[in-house]
Amino acid sequence: MPTGRVIAYNDTKGYGLIQSDPIAVFFHRSALESATPKAGDTVRYETTQEGRNSPRATTVRVLDPAVMAEADRVFGTA
C-alpha cells in the first residue's frame, strides 16, 4: 500500500485529496479506516481507477506520527 500526505480534507462535505505522483488521489469519508485526517497527516491508502477520472482511494488509514518517527529512527529515511 502506498503512503502519502493529505493535501486537504473537508469534514463538512466528507472528502479530501492525498498527494501522490503524478496526480492527487481523491478519497471519501467512507474509505476511512481510522481517525479523520487533517491536512499534513501521513496516510496509507489503496486506489482504484474509475474510467477516465482521477484515481480514487478505496481505503485510507491515518498513520500515527509517533510510529512514523520511530520507524525513521530505527530504519532511517529513504
C-alpha atoms as a PDB file:
ATOM      1  CA  MET A   1       0.000   0.000   0.000  1.00  0.00           C
ATOM      2  CA  PRO A   2       1.402   3.402  -0.920  1.00  0.00           C
ATOM      3  CA  THR A   3       1.687   6.243   1.568  1.00  0.00           C
ATOM      4  CA  GLY A   4       1.110   9.944   1.024  1.00  0.00           C
ATOM      5  CA  ARG A   5       0.215  13.182   2.736  1.00  0.00           C
ATOM      6  CA  VAL A   6      -3.267  14.630   2.957  1.00  0.00           C
ATOM      7  CA  ILE A   7      -3.399  17.868   0.952  1.00  0.00           C
ATOM      8  CA  ALA A   8      -6.864  18.834   2.179  1.00  0.00           C
ATOM      9  CA  TYR A   9      -9.901  17.299   3.866  1.00  0.00           C
ATOM     10  CA  ASN A  10     -13.354  18.890   4.067  1.00  0.00           C
ATOM     11  CA  ASP A  11     -15.127  17.339   7.057  1.00  0.00           C
ATOM     12  CA  THR A  12     -18.426  19.032   6.157  1.00  0.00           C
ATOM     13  CA  LYS A  13     -18.504  17.567   2.641  1.00  0.00           C
ATOM     14  CA  GLY A  14     -16.663  14.377   3.602  1.00  0.00           C
ATOM     15  CA  TYR A  15     -13.915  14.226   1.011  1.00  0.00           C
ATOM     16  CA  GLY A  16     -10.255  15.071   0.563  1.00  0.00           C
ATOM     17  CA  LEU A  17      -7.116  14.698  -1.540  1.00  0.00           C
ATOM     18  CA  ILE A  18      -3.885  12.787  -1.000  1.00  0.00           C
ATOM     19  CA  GLN A  19      -0.610  13.995  -2.561  1.00  0.00           C
ATOM     20  CA  SER A  20       0.666  11.352  -4.975  1.00  0.00           C
ATOM     21  CA  ASP A  21       2.812  11.363  -8.110  1.00  0.00           C
ATOM     22  CA  PRO A  22       1.872  12.352 -10.750  1.00  0.00           C
ATOM     23  CA  ILE A  23      -1.710  13.235  -9.694  1.00  0.00           C
ATOM     24  CA  ALA A  24      -3.609  13.766  -6.440  1.00  0.00           C
ATOM     25  CA  VAL A  25      -5.806  10.901  -5.222  1.00  0.00           C
ATOM     26  CA  PHE A  26      -9.430  11.636  -4.227  1.00  0.00           C
ATOM     27  CA  PHE A  27     -10.943   9.975  -1.146  1.00  0.00           C
ATOM     28  CA  HIS A  28     -14.367   9.968   0.509  1.00  0.00           C
ATOM     29  CA  ARG A  29     -15.050   9.568   4.227  1.00  0.00           C
ATOM     30  CA  SER A  30     -16.494   6.108   3.540  1.00  0.00           C
ATOM     31  CA  ALA A  31     -12.916   4.964   2.686  1.00  0.00           C
ATOM     32  CA  LEU A  32     -11.569   5.931   6.141  1.00  0.00           C
ATOM     33  CA  GLU A  33     -10.490   3.024   8.343  1.00  0.00           C
ATOM     34  CA  SER A  34      -9.241   5.132  11.247  1.00  0.00           C
ATOM     35  CA  ALA A  35      -9.328   8.676  12.591  1.00  0.00           C
ATOM     36  CA  THR A  36     -10.491  11.611  10.492  1.00  0.00           C
ATOM     37  CA  PRO A  37      -7.445  13.047   8.709  1.00  0.00           C
ATOM     38  CA  LYS A  38      -6.338  16.655   8.565  1.00  0.00           C
ATOM     39  CA  ALA A  39      -4.052  18.435   6.119  1.00  0.00           C
ATOM     40  CA  GLY A  40      -0.466  17.245   6.524  1.00  0.00           C
ATOM     41  CA  ASP A  41      -1.305  13.826   8.015  1.00  0.00           C
ATOM     42  CA  THR A  42       0.529  10.841   6.565  1.00  0.00           C
ATOM     43  CA  VAL A  43      -1.831   8.133   5.331  1.00  0.00           C
ATOM     44  CA  ARG A  44      -1.610   4.677   3.799  1.00  0.00           C
ATOM     45  CA  TYR A  45      -4.138   4.019   1.043  1.00  0.00           C
ATOM     46  CA  GLU A  46      -5.296   1.717  -1.755  1.00  0.00           C
ATOM     47  CA  THR A  47      -6.635   3.058  -5.046  1.00  0.00           C
ATOM     48  CA  THR A  48      -8.842   2.104  -7.934  1.00  0.00           C
ATOM     49  CA  GLN A  49      -9.103   3.722 -11.354  1.00  0.00           C
ATOM     50  CA  GLU A  50     -12.662   4.558 -12.407  1.00  0.00           C
ATOM     51  CA  GLY A  51     -12.879   5.269 -16.120  1.00  0.00           C
ATOM     52  CA  ARG A  52     -11.073   8.431 -17.168  1.00  0.00           C
ATOM     53  CA  ASN A  53     -11.400  10.024 -13.725  1.00  0.00           C
ATOM     54  CA  SER A  54      -8.518  10.560 -11.327  1.00  0.00           C
ATOM     55  CA  PRO A  55      -7.625   7.628  -9.067  1.00  0.00           C
ATOM     56  CA  ARG A  56      -9.889   7.176  -6.052  1.00  0.00           C
ATOM     57  CA  ALA A  57      -8.807   5.747  -2.709  1.00  0.00           C
ATOM     58  CA  THR A  58     -10.832   2.730  -1.609  1.00  0.00           C
ATOM     59  CA  THR A  59      -9.238   2.549   1.856  1.00  0.00           C
ATOM     60  CA  VAL A  60      -7.437   5.262   3.813  1.00  0.00           C
ATOM     61  CA  ARG A  61      -5.694   4.826   7.169  1.00  0.00           C
ATOM     62  CA  VAL A  62      -4.084   7.684   9.100  1.00  0.00           C
ATOM     63  CA  LEU A  63      -0.608   6.698  10.300  1.00  0.00           C
ATOM     64  CA  ASP A  64       0.425   7.625  13.844  1.00  0.00           C
ATOM     65  CA  PRO A  65       3.205  10.278  13.738  1.00  0.00           C
ATOM     66  CA  ALA A  66       4.952   8.697  16.752  1.00  0.00           C
ATOM     67  CA  VAL A  67       5.115   5.349  14.951  1.00  0.00           C
ATOM     68  CA  MET A  68       6.435   7.040  11.793  1.00  0.00           C
ATOM     69  CA  ALA A  69       9.123   8.861  13.815  1.00  0.00           C
ATOM     70  CA  GLU A  70      10.210   5.613  15.495  1.00  0.00           C
ATOM     71  CA  ALA A  71      10.371   3.831  12.127  1.00  0.00           C
ATOM     72  CA  ASP A  72      12.535   6.658  10.747  1.00  0.00           C
ATOM     73  CA  ARG A  73      14.796   6.415  13.796  1.00  0.00           C
ATOM     74  CA  VAL A  74      15.178   2.645  13.544  1.00  0.00           C
ATOM     75  CA  PHE A  75      15.273   2.157   9.779  1.00  0.00           C
ATOM     76  CA  GLY A  76      16.415   5.578   8.574  1.00  0.00           C
ATOM     77  CA  THR A  77      14.745   7.672   5.938  1.00  0.00           C
ATOM     78  CA  ALA A  78      14.506   6.577   2.341  1.00  0.00           C
END
